[in-house]
Amino acid sequence: LLVPSLLSFAIFLIFPIVNMIITAFSEVDIMARATNFGTLQNFAELARDDRLPLIIRQTGLFAFGTVFMEVIIAFPLAMTLNTRFPGRALAKALILIPWAMPYAVSAITWKWIFHGQMGTLNYFLSELGIIKNYVVWLGNPISAFAAAMFVEVWSSVAFMTVTFLAGLQSIPPHIYDAAKMDGASRWREFRDMTLPQMRNVFMIVTLLSIIWAFRSFGTIWILTKGDPIFRTDIVVTYLYKLAFEFRKFGPGFALSVCLFVVLIIFSILYTRLLGSQDEGQ
């Protein structure tokens, strides 16, 4: 009964990974086929790429910056949704809309909003008197990168909010009752009870979000395609350009292996955190 699942796992997961590793350490022809295994030429060529340090810095800024902003936004939202107020059910439903939308739809929508001539952002800012001339948001390296980070945060903050909310609702209410009897202030309750109880949730959700941000291809590719002049590229988009636009399949496979190793490290940390949480329970 397990044979079909094992075959699918081998064909669609194991085989591509093994093929990627073999090709990264081989000479590659124009058809992206490995011809001579046992060389570090692809990695050496990748190391000589002058753009790679910039891409790595941008990837780190994008991944850690977006996750930091998601935490800053999502946790207060979760704290708010964890309290009783009129319309709370509606607020929970509305906050899920960005997460429910496909990344492609979100990116296309925001691309039109940021459009330099027909975008609604320029229209409203102009009507409010904040800007006099329309701004080409996706044509400037700084504003384009900031726009890509904003769209990533907008698309991902709902998941983090819901996860934080689930963690908050799992905290036993009797500990707060005991704290109130001892005269603890709201700040003491938050610092000494809420944050310690949410530590594992914080670590797991943050780590998982970093893994997703590292491979966030769709948002950036649809929004900017890494332009202008590679200033909004991260590793996954630059990897695509290396392989399919510049036809440098060897360095592309080498960069894939490097990214694969980084994600494996984060995945190991994630599984260990999950294991430690289960042991704690």
C-alpha atoms as a PDB file:
ATOM      1  CA  LEU A   1       0.000   0.000   0.000  1.00  0.00           C
ATOM      2  CA  LEU A   2       2.919   2.333   0.599  1.00  0.00           C
ATOM      3  CA  VAL A   3       4.600   1.599  -2.749  1.00  0.00           C
ATOM      4  CA  PRO A   4       2.747   4.310  -4.778  1.00  0.00           C
ATOM      5  CA  SER A   5       3.569   6.959  -2.185  1.00  0.00           C
ATOM      6  CA  LEU A   6       7.206   5.856  -1.972  1.00  0.00           C
ATOM      7  CA  LEU A   7       7.530   5.900  -5.771  1.00  0.00           C
ATOM      8  CA  SER A   8       6.028   9.386  -5.958  1.00  0.00           C
ATOM      9  CA  PHE A   9       8.356  10.541  -3.182  1.00  0.00           C
ATOM     10  CA  ALA A  10      11.381   9.130  -5.010  1.00  0.00           C
ATOM     11  CA  ILE A  11      10.414  10.489  -8.430  1.00  0.00           C
ATOM     12  CA  PHE A  12       9.275  13.975  -7.476  1.00  0.00           C
ATOM     13  CA  LEU A  13      11.572  14.721  -4.519  1.00  0.00           C
ATOM     14  CA  ILE A  14      14.583  12.432  -4.189  1.00  0.00           C
ATOM     15  CA  PHE A  15      15.479  12.255  -7.885  1.00  0.00           C
ATOM     16  CA  PRO A  16      15.503  16.065  -8.480  1.00  0.00           C
ATOM     17  CA  ILE A  17      17.620  16.628  -5.355  1.00  0.00           C
ATOM     18  CA  VAL A  18      20.145  13.932  -6.272  1.00  0.00           C
ATOM     19  CA  ASN A  19      20.276  15.168  -9.866  1.00  0.00           C
ATOM     20  CA  MET A  20      20.851  18.739  -8.664  1.00  0.00           C
ATOM     21  CA  ILE A  21      23.758  17.694  -6.431  1.00  0.00           C
ATOM     22  CA  ILE A  22      25.374  15.511  -9.106  1.00  0.00           C
ATOM     23  CA  THR A  23      25.086  18.236 -11.749  1.00  0.00           C
ATOM     24  CA  ALA A  24      26.464  20.902  -9.413  1.00  0.00           C
ATOM     25  CA  PHE A  25      29.676  18.862  -9.075  1.00  0.00           C
ATOM     26  CA  SER A  26      29.905  18.073 -12.800  1.00  0.00           C
ATOM     27  CA  GLU A  27      30.706  19.766 -16.054  1.00  0.00           C
ATOM     28  CA  VAL A  28      27.462  20.871 -17.695  1.00  0.00           C
ATOM     29  CA  ASP A  29      26.688  21.039 -21.421  1.00  0.00           C
ATOM     30  CA  ILE A  30      24.358  23.495 -23.155  1.00  0.00           C
ATOM     31  CA  MET A  31      21.409  21.186 -22.440  1.00  0.00           C
ATOM     32  CA  ALA A  32      22.088  21.324 -18.665  1.00  0.00           C
ATOM     33  CA  ARG A  33      23.244  17.689 -18.615  1.00  0.00           C
ATOM     34  CA  ALA A  34      26.086  16.479 -16.405  1.00  0.00           C
ATOM     35  CA  THR A  35      29.011  15.256 -18.533  1.00  0.00           C
ATOM     36  CA  ASN A  36      31.940  14.807 -16.145  1.00  0.00           C
ATOM     37  CA  PHE A  37      31.330  14.281 -12.433  1.00  0.00           C
ATOM     38  CA  GLY A  38      33.901  15.260  -9.820  1.00  0.00           C
ATOM     39  CA  THR A  39      34.735  18.929 -10.305  1.00  0.00           C
ATOM     40  CA  LEU A  40      34.316  22.159  -8.354  1.00  0.00           C
ATOM     41  CA  GLN A  41      34.366  24.299 -11.483  1.00  0.00           C
ATOM     42  CA  ASN A  42      30.765  25.426 -11.063  1.00  0.00           C
ATOM     43  CA  PHE A  43      31.363  26.586  -7.502  1.00  0.00           C
ATOM     44  CA  ALA A  44      34.585  28.338  -8.553  1.00  0.00           C
ATOM     45  CA  GLU A  45      32.742  30.178 -11.308  1.00  0.00           C
ATOM     46  CA  LEU A  46      29.992  31.086  -8.878  1.00  0.00           C
ATOM     47  CA  ALA A  47      32.562  32.455  -6.407  1.00  0.00           C
ATOM     48  CA  ARG A  48      33.902  34.747  -9.155  1.00  0.00           C
ATOM     49  CA  ASP A  49      30.460  36.274  -9.717  1.00  0.00           C
ATOM     50  CA  ASP A  50      30.758  39.940  -8.731  1.00  0.00           C
ATOM     51  CA  ARG A  51      27.016  40.256  -8.165  1.00  0.00           C
ATOM     52  CA  LEU A  52      26.748  37.386  -5.686  1.00  0.00           C
ATOM     53  CA  PRO A  53      27.773  39.341  -2.512  1.00  0.00           C
ATOM     54  CA  LEU A  54      25.051  41.899  -3.289  1.00  0.00           C
ATOM     55  CA  ILE A  55      22.485  39.134  -3.845  1.00  0.00           C
ATOM     56  CA  ILE A  56      23.405  37.456  -0.550  1.00  0.00           C
ATOM     57  CA  ARG A  57      23.102  40.740   1.373  1.00  0.00           C
ATOM     58  CA  GLN A  58      19.743  41.454  -0.217  1.00  0.00           C
ATOM     59  CA  THR A  59      18.529  37.942   0.555  1.00  0.00           C
ATOM     60  CA  GLY A  60      19.480  38.279   4.220  1.00  0.00           C
ATOM     61  CA  LEU A  61      17.880  41.724   4.458  1.00  0.00           C
ATOM     62  CA  PHE A  62      14.736  40.510   2.720  1.00  0.00           C
ATOM     63  CA  ALA A  63      14.346  37.327   4.786  1.00  0.00           C
ATOM     64  CA  PHE A  64      15.189  38.651   8.233  1.00  0.00           C
ATOM     65  CA  GLY A  65      13.734  42.128   7.628  1.00  0.00           C
ATOM     66  CA  THR A  66      10.345  40.861   6.480  1.00  0.00           C
ATOM     67  CA  VAL A  67      10.109  38.322   9.308  1.00  0.00           C
ATOM     68  CA  PHE A  68      11.019  40.985  11.871  1.00  0.00           C
ATOM     69  CA  MET A  69       8.287  43.283  10.556  1.00  0.00           C
ATOM     70  CA  GLU A  70       5.800  40.406  10.484  1.00  0.00           C
ATOM     71  CA  VAL A  71       6.480  39.693  14.169  1.00  0.00           C
ATOM     72  CA  ILE A  72       6.156  43.386  15.080  1.00  0.00           C
ATOM     73  CA  ILE A  73       2.778  43.571  13.322  1.00  0.00           C
ATOM     74  CA  ALA A  74       1.384  40.084  13.940  1.00  0.00           C
ATOM     75  CA  PHE A  75       1.873  39.759  17.696  1.00  0.00           C
ATOM     76  CA  PRO A  76      -0.004  42.957  18.645  1.00  0.00           C
ATOM     77  CA  LEU A  77      -2.749  41.934  16.208  1.00  0.00           C
ATOM     78  CA  ALA A  78      -2.951  38.511  17.856  1.00  0.00           C
ATOM     79  CA  MET A  79      -3.077  40.115  21.310  1.00  0.00           C
ATOM     80  CA  THR A  80      -5.915  42.344  20.126  1.00  0.00           C
ATOM     81  CA  LEU A  81      -7.850  39.469  18.565  1.00  0.00           C
ATOM     82  CA  ASN A  82      -7.404  37.487  21.774  1.00  0.00           C
ATOM     83  CA  THR A  83      -9.543  40.024  23.638  1.00  0.00           C
ATOM     84  CA  ARG A  84     -13.309  40.289  23.366  1.00  0.00           C
ATOM     85  CA  PHE A  85     -14.647  43.228  21.372  1.00  0.00           C
ATOM     86  CA  PRO A  86     -17.597  43.805  19.010  1.00  0.00           C
ATOM     87  CA  GLY A  87     -16.853  42.483  15.522  1.00  0.00           C
ATOM     88  CA  ARG A  88     -14.013  40.200  16.582  1.00  0.00           C
ATOM     89  CA  ALA A  89     -15.257  37.336  14.373  1.00  0.00           C
ATOM     90  CA  LEU A  90     -15.375  39.650  11.359  1.00  0.00           C
ATOM     91  CA  ALA A  91     -11.870  40.946  12.136  1.00  0.00           C
ATOM     92  CA  LYS A  92     -10.547  37.371  12.242  1.00  0.00           C
ATOM     93  CA  ALA A  93     -12.095  36.663   8.852  1.00  0.00           C
ATOM     94  CA  LEU A  94     -10.777  39.872   7.265  1.00  0.00           C
ATOM     95  CA  ILE A  95      -7.237  39.336   8.479  1.00  0.00           C
ATOM     96  CA  LEU A  96      -7.111  36.005   6.635  1.00  0.00           C
ATOM     97  CA  ILE A  97      -7.792  37.581   3.219  1.00  0.00           C
ATOM     98  CA  PRO A  98      -4.144  38.396   2.340  1.00  0.00           C
ATOM     99  CA  TRP A  99      -3.075  34.877   3.300  1.00  0.00           C
ATOM    100  CA  ALA A 100      -5.955  33.276   1.378  1.00  0.00           C
ATOM    101  CA  MET A 101      -5.070  35.141  -1.831  1.00  0.00           C
ATOM    102  CA  PRO A 102      -2.539  33.406  -4.108  1.00  0.00           C
ATOM    103  CA  TYR A 103       0.884  35.075  -4.082  1.00  0.00           C
ATOM    104  CA  ALA A 104       0.628  35.747  -7.814  1.00  0.00           C
ATOM    105  CA  VAL A 105      -2.677  37.590  -7.437  1.00  0.00           C
ATOM    106  CA  SER A 106      -1.337  39.639  -4.519  1.00  0.00           C
ATOM    107  CA  ALA A 107       1.839  40.560  -6.386  1.00  0.00           C
ATOM    108  CA  ILE A 108      -0.012  41.545  -9.582  1.00  0.00           C
ATOM    109  CA  THR A 109      -2.464  43.665  -7.592  1.00  0.00           C
ATOM    110  CA  TRP A 110       0.278  45.490  -5.740  1.00  0.00           C
ATOM    111  CA  LYS A 111       2.279  45.914  -8.951  1.00  0.00           C
ATOM    112  CA  TRP A 112      -0.589  47.958 -10.367  1.00  0.00           C
ATOM    113  CA  ILE A 113      -0.950  49.884  -7.107  1.00  0.00           C
ATOM    114  CA  PHE A 114       2.750  50.842  -7.284  1.00  0.00           C
ATOM    115  CA  HIS A 115       2.579  51.659 -11.005  1.00  0.00           C
ATOM    116  CA  GLY A 116       4.334  54.936 -11.771  1.00  0.00           C
ATOM    117  CA  GLN A 117       1.623  56.384 -14.026  1.00  0.00           C
ATOM    118  CA  MET A 118      -1.652  54.548 -13.336  1.00  0.00           C
ATOM    119  CA  GLY A 119      -1.080  53.350  -9.768  1.00  0.00           C
ATOM    120  CA  THR A 120      -3.582  54.245  -7.069  1.00  0.00           C
ATOM    121  CA  LEU A 121      -0.795  54.921  -4.562  1.00  0.00           C
ATOM    122  CA  ASN A 122       0.498  57.891  -6.573  1.00  0.00           C
ATOM    123  CA  TYR A 123      -3.071  59.091  -7.136  1.00  0.00           C
ATOM    124  CA  PHE A 124      -3.962  59.187  -3.430  1.00  0.00           C
ATOM    125  CA  LEU A 125      -0.625  60.677  -2.396  1.00  0.00           C
ATOM    126  CA  SER A 126      -1.038  63.366  -5.047  1.00  0.00           C
ATOM    127  CA  GLU A 127      -4.625  64.115  -3.979  1.00  0.00           C
ATOM    128  CA  LEU A 128      -3.481  64.435  -0.371  1.00  0.00           C
ATOM    129  CA  GLY A 129      -0.740  66.846  -1.420  1.00  0.00           C
ATOM    130  CA  ILE A 130       2.056  64.599  -0.138  1.00  0.00           C
ATOM    131  CA  ILE A 131       3.745  64.390  -3.564  1.00  0.00           C
ATOM    132  CA  LYS A 132       3.671  66.827  -6.486  1.00  0.00           C
ATOM    133  CA  ASN A 133       4.947  64.518  -9.199  1.00  0.00           C
ATOM    134  CA  TYR A 134       4.178  60.847  -9.628  1.00  0.00           C
ATOM    135  CA  VAL A 135       6.901  58.523  -8.296  1.00  0.00           C
ATOM    136  CA  VAL A 136       8.110  55.469 -10.209  1.00  0.00           C
ATOM    137  CA  TRP A 137       8.152  53.269  -7.117  1.00  0.00           C
ATOM    138  CA  LEU A 138       9.393  50.127  -8.861  1.00  0.00           C
ATOM    139  CA  GLY A 139      12.034  52.005 -10.861  1.00  0.00           C
ATOM    140  CA  ASN A 140      14.135  53.119  -7.904  1.00  0.00           C
ATOM    141  CA  PRO A 141      16.297  50.414  -6.227  1.00  0.00           C
ATOM    142  CA  ILE A 142      15.458  51.464  -2.670  1.00  0.00           C
ATOM    143  CA  SER A 143      11.719  51.987  -3.121  1.00  0.00           C
ATOM    144  CA  ALA A 144      11.396  48.855  -5.277  1.00  0.00           C
ATOM    145  CA  PHE A 145      13.091  46.688  -2.652  1.00  0.00           C
ATOM    146  CA  ALA A 146      10.972  48.278   0.072  1.00  0.00           C
ATOM    147  CA  ALA A 147       7.852  47.582  -2.006  1.00  0.00           C
ATOM    148  CA  ALA A 148       8.838  43.920  -2.416  1.00  0.00           C
ATOM    149  CA  MET A 149       9.359  43.596   1.342  1.00  0.00           C
ATOM    150  CA  PHE A 150       6.026  45.299   2.016  1.00  0.00           C
ATOM    151  CA  VAL A 151       4.125  42.910  -0.270  1.00  0.00           C
ATOM    152  CA  GLU A 152       5.835  39.917   1.346  1.00  0.00           C
ATOM    153  CA  VAL A 153       4.885  41.163   4.811  1.00  0.00           C
ATOM    154  CA  TRP A 154       1.323  41.928   3.709  1.00  0.00           C
ATOM    155  CA  SER A 155       0.939  38.416   2.301  1.00  0.00           C
ATOM    156  CA  SER A 156       2.495  36.588   5.250  1.00  0.00           C
ATOM    157  CA  VAL A 157       1.460  38.489   8.357  1.00  0.00           C
ATOM    158  CA  ALA A 158      -1.960  36.788   8.498  1.00  0.00           C
ATOM    159  CA  PHE A 159      -0.425  33.322   8.965  1.00  0.00           C
ATOM    160  CA  MET A 160       1.780  34.563  11.767  1.00  0.00           C
ATOM    161  CA  THR A 161      -1.120  36.369  13.418  1.00  0.00           C
ATOM    162  CA  VAL A 162      -3.324  33.275  13.388  1.00  0.00           C
ATOM    163  CA  THR A 163      -0.478  31.137  14.749  1.00  0.00           C
ATOM    164  CA  PHE A 164       0.248  33.608  17.541  1.00  0.00           C
ATOM    165  CA  LEU A 165      -3.465  33.757  18.323  1.00  0.00           C
ATOM    166  CA  ALA A 166      -3.600  29.975  18.627  1.00  0.00           C
ATOM    167  CA  GLY A 167      -0.622  30.096  20.989  1.00  0.00           C
ATOM    168  CA  LEU A 168      -2.218  32.800  23.120  1.00  0.00           C
ATOM    169  CA  GLN A 169      -5.474  30.886  23.380  1.00  0.00           C
ATOM    170  CA  SER A 170      -3.605  27.778  24.543  1.00  0.00           C
ATOM    171  CA  ILE A 171      -2.244  29.580  27.624  1.00  0.00           C
ATOM    172  CA  PRO A 172      -4.151  28.396  30.713  1.00  0.00           C
ATOM    173  CA  PRO A 173      -6.315  31.293  31.944  1.00  0.00           C
ATOM    174  CA  HIS A 174      -5.880  30.347  35.598  1.00  0.00           C
ATOM    175  CA  ILE A 175      -2.307  31.676  35.655  1.00  0.00           C
ATOM    176  CA  TYR A 176      -3.645  35.152  34.884  1.00  0.00           C
ATOM    177  CA  ASP A 177      -6.277  34.776  37.583  1.00  0.00           C
ATOM    178  CA  ALA A 178      -3.536  33.913  40.075  1.00  0.00           C
ATOM    179  CA  ALA A 179      -1.487  36.888  38.917  1.00  0.00           C
ATOM    180  CA  LYS A 180      -4.418  39.265  39.394  1.00  0.00           C
ATOM    181  CA  MET A 181      -4.916  37.936  42.918  1.00  0.00           C
ATOM    182  CA  ASP A 182      -1.258  38.719  43.626  1.00  0.00           C
ATOM    183  CA  GLY A 183      -1.726  42.259  42.329  1.00  0.00           C
ATOM    184  CA  ALA A 184       0.337  41.920  39.139  1.00  0.00           C
ATOM    185  CA  SER A 185      -0.020  44.723  36.599  1.00  0.00           C
ATOM    186  CA  ARG A 186      -0.820  44.090  32.932  1.00  0.00           C
ATOM    187  CA  TRP A 187       2.813  44.726  32.025  1.00  0.00           C
ATOM    188  CA  ARG A 188       4.006  42.134  34.572  1.00  0.00           C
ATOM    189  CA  GLU A 189       1.469  39.637  33.241  1.00  0.00           C
ATOM    190  CA  PHE A 190       2.722  40.227  29.701  1.00  0.00           C
ATOM    191  CA  ARG A 191       6.430  40.096  30.602  1.00  0.00           C
ATOM    192  CA  ASP A 192       6.421  37.276  33.149  1.00  0.00           C
ATOM    193  CA  MET A 193       3.605  35.058  31.850  1.00  0.00           C
ATOM    194  CA  THR A 194       2.615  35.725  28.242  1.00  0.00           C
ATOM    195  CA  LEU A 195       6.099  36.018  26.729  1.00  0.00           C
ATOM    196  CA  PRO A 196       7.556  32.908  28.465  1.00  0.00           C
ATOM    197  CA  GLN A 197       4.503  30.864  27.478  1.00  0.00           C
ATOM    198  CA  MET A 198       4.850  32.060  23.858  1.00  0.00           C
ATOM    199  CA  ARG A 199       8.607  31.484  23.566  1.00  0.00           C
ATOM    200  CA  ASN A 200       8.398  28.203  21.657  1.00  0.00           C
ATOM    201  CA  VAL A 201       5.681  29.547  19.381  1.00  0.00           C
ATOM    202  CA  PHE A 202       7.815  32.612  18.636  1.00  0.00           C
ATOM    203  CA  MET A 203      10.867  30.528  17.782  1.00  0.00           C
ATOM    204  CA  ILE A 204       9.057  28.001  15.586  1.00  0.00           C
ATOM    205  CA  VAL A 205       6.939  30.517  13.667  1.00  0.00           C
ATOM    206  CA  THR A 206       9.891  32.846  13.147  1.00  0.00           C
ATOM    207  CA  LEU A 207      12.141  30.075  11.903  1.00  0.00           C
ATOM    208  CA  LEU A 208       9.469  28.716   9.582  1.00  0.00           C
ATOM    209  CA  SER A 209       8.803  32.209   8.180  1.00  0.00           C
ATOM    210  CA  ILE A 210      12.518  32.737   7.524  1.00  0.00           C
ATOM    211  CA  ILE A 211      12.611  29.482   5.526  1.00  0.00           C
ATOM    212  CA  TRP A 212       9.627  30.630   3.450  1.00  0.00           C
ATOM    213  CA  ALA A 213      11.131  34.096   2.910  1.00  0.00           C
ATOM    214  CA  PHE A 214      14.396  32.612   1.596  1.00  0.00           C
ATOM    215  CA  ARG A 215      12.488  30.915  -1.210  1.00  0.00           C
ATOM    216  CA  SER A 216       9.979  33.674  -1.897  1.00  0.00           C
ATOM    217  CA  PHE A 217      10.266  33.666  -5.675  1.00  0.00           C
ATOM    218  CA  GLY A 218       6.790  34.605  -6.877  1.00  0.00           C
ATOM    219  CA  THR A 219       6.404  37.937  -5.089  1.00  0.00           C
ATOM    220  CA  ILE A 220       9.669  39.443  -6.302  1.00  0.00           C
ATOM    221  CA  TRP A 221       9.566  37.956  -9.783  1.00  0.00           C
ATOM    222  CA  ILE A 222       6.073  39.221 -10.538  1.00  0.00           C
ATOM    223  CA  LEU A 223       6.636  42.580  -8.869  1.00  0.00           C
ATOM    224  CA  THR A 224      10.081  43.565 -10.195  1.00  0.00           C
ATOM    225  CA  LYS A 225      11.854  40.548 -11.771  1.00  0.00           C
ATOM    226  CA  GLY A 226      14.883  41.636  -9.739  1.00  0.00           C
ATOM    227  CA  ASP A 227      15.093  45.034 -11.455  1.00  0.00           C
ATOM    228  CA  PRO A 228      16.430  47.628 -11.490  1.00  0.00           C
ATOM    229  CA  ILE A 229      19.931  46.217 -12.168  1.00  0.00           C
ATOM    230  CA  PHE A 230      19.613  43.226  -9.794  1.00  0.00           C
ATOM    231  CA  ARG A 231      18.831  45.494  -6.830  1.00  0.00           C
ATOM    232  CA  THR A 232      15.690  43.575  -5.831  1.00  0.00           C
ATOM    233  CA  ASP A 233      17.013  40.098  -6.598  1.00  0.00           C
ATOM    234  CA  ILE A 234      17.337  37.474  -3.897  1.00  0.00           C
ATOM    235  CA  VAL A 235      19.022  34.094  -4.281  1.00  0.00           C
ATOM    236  CA  VAL A 236      16.046  32.257  -5.785  1.00  0.00           C
ATOM    237  CA  THR A 237      15.344  34.907  -8.435  1.00  0.00           C
ATOM    238  CA  TYR A 238      19.028  35.317  -9.282  1.00  0.00           C
ATOM    239  CA  LEU A 239      19.350  31.538  -9.515  1.00  0.00           C
ATOM    240  CA  TYR A 240      16.556  31.538 -12.097  1.00  0.00           C
ATOM    241  CA  LYS A 241      18.323  34.251 -14.091  1.00  0.00           C
ATOM    242  CA  LEU A 242      21.634  32.383 -14.010  1.00  0.00           C
ATOM    243  CA  ALA A 243      20.103  29.201 -15.363  1.00  0.00           C
ATOM    244  CA  PHE A 244      17.373  30.343 -17.729  1.00  0.00           C
ATOM    245  CA  GLU A 245      18.366  33.847 -18.848  1.00  0.00           C
ATOM    246  CA  PHE A 246      22.177  33.751 -18.824  1.00  0.00           C
ATOM    247  CA  ARG A 247      22.319  30.006 -19.648  1.00  0.00           C
ATOM    248  CA  LYS A 248      24.904  29.455 -16.910  1.00  0.00           C
ATOM    249  CA  PHE A 249      23.493  26.130 -15.821  1.00  0.00           C
ATOM    250  CA  GLY A 250      26.559  25.006 -13.864  1.00  0.00           C
ATOM    251  CA  PRO A 251      26.732  28.017 -11.510  1.00  0.00           C
ATOM    252  CA  GLY A 252      22.942  27.861 -11.285  1.00  0.00           C
ATOM    253  CA  PHE A 253      23.088  24.281  -9.991  1.00  0.00           C
ATOM    254  CA  ALA A 254      25.917  25.250  -7.615  1.00  0.00           C
ATOM    255  CA  LEU A 255      23.871  28.122  -6.211  1.00  0.00           C
ATOM    256  CA  SER A 256      20.900  25.743  -5.848  1.00  0.00           C
ATOM    257  CA  VAL A 257      23.013  23.413  -3.730  1.00  0.00           C
ATOM    258  CA  CYS A 258      24.179  26.305  -1.540  1.00  0.00           C
ATOM    259  CA  LEU A 259      20.597  27.450  -0.986  1.00  0.00           C
ATOM    260  CA  PHE A 260      19.543  23.851  -0.349  1.00  0.00           C
ATOM    261  CA  VAL A 261      22.177  23.505   2.387  1.00  0.00           C
ATOM    262  CA  VAL A 262      21.073  26.749   4.047  1.00  0.00           C
ATOM    263  CA  LEU A 263      17.427  25.656   4.034  1.00  0.00           C
ATOM    264  CA  ILE A 264      18.375  22.223   5.366  1.00  0.00           C
ATOM    265  CA  ILE A 265      20.155  23.884   8.296  1.00  0.00           C
ATOM    266  CA  PHE A 266      17.076  25.980   9.080  1.00  0.00           C
ATOM    267  CA  SER A 267      14.867  22.898   8.687  1.00  0.00           C
ATOM    268  CA  ILE A 268      17.004  20.956  11.170  1.00  0.00           C
ATOM    269  CA  LEU A 269      16.696  23.820  13.631  1.00  0.00           C
ATOM    270  CA  TYR A 270      12.942  23.836  13.045  1.00  0.00           C
ATOM    271  CA  THR A 271      12.545  20.100  13.704  1.00  0.00           C
ATOM    272  CA  ARG A 272      14.713  20.308  16.815  1.00  0.00           C
ATOM    273  CA  LEU A 273      12.601  23.148  18.139  1.00  0.00           C
ATOM    274  CA  LEU A 274       9.477  21.107  17.496  1.00  0.00           C
ATOM    275  CA  GLY A 275      11.056  18.162  19.304  1.00  0.00           C
ATOM    276  CA  SER A 276      12.044  20.287  22.279  1.00  0.00           C
ATOM    277  CA  GLN A 277       8.518  21.705  22.454  1.00  0.00           C
ATOM    278  CA  ASP A 278       7.004  18.208  22.470  1.00  0.00           C
ATOM    279  CA  GLU A 279       9.396  17.124  25.228  1.00  0.00           C
ATOM    280  CA  GLY A 280       8.462  20.198  27.242  1.00  0.00           C
ATOM    281  CA  GLN A 281       4.824  19.265  27.006  1.00  0.00           C
END
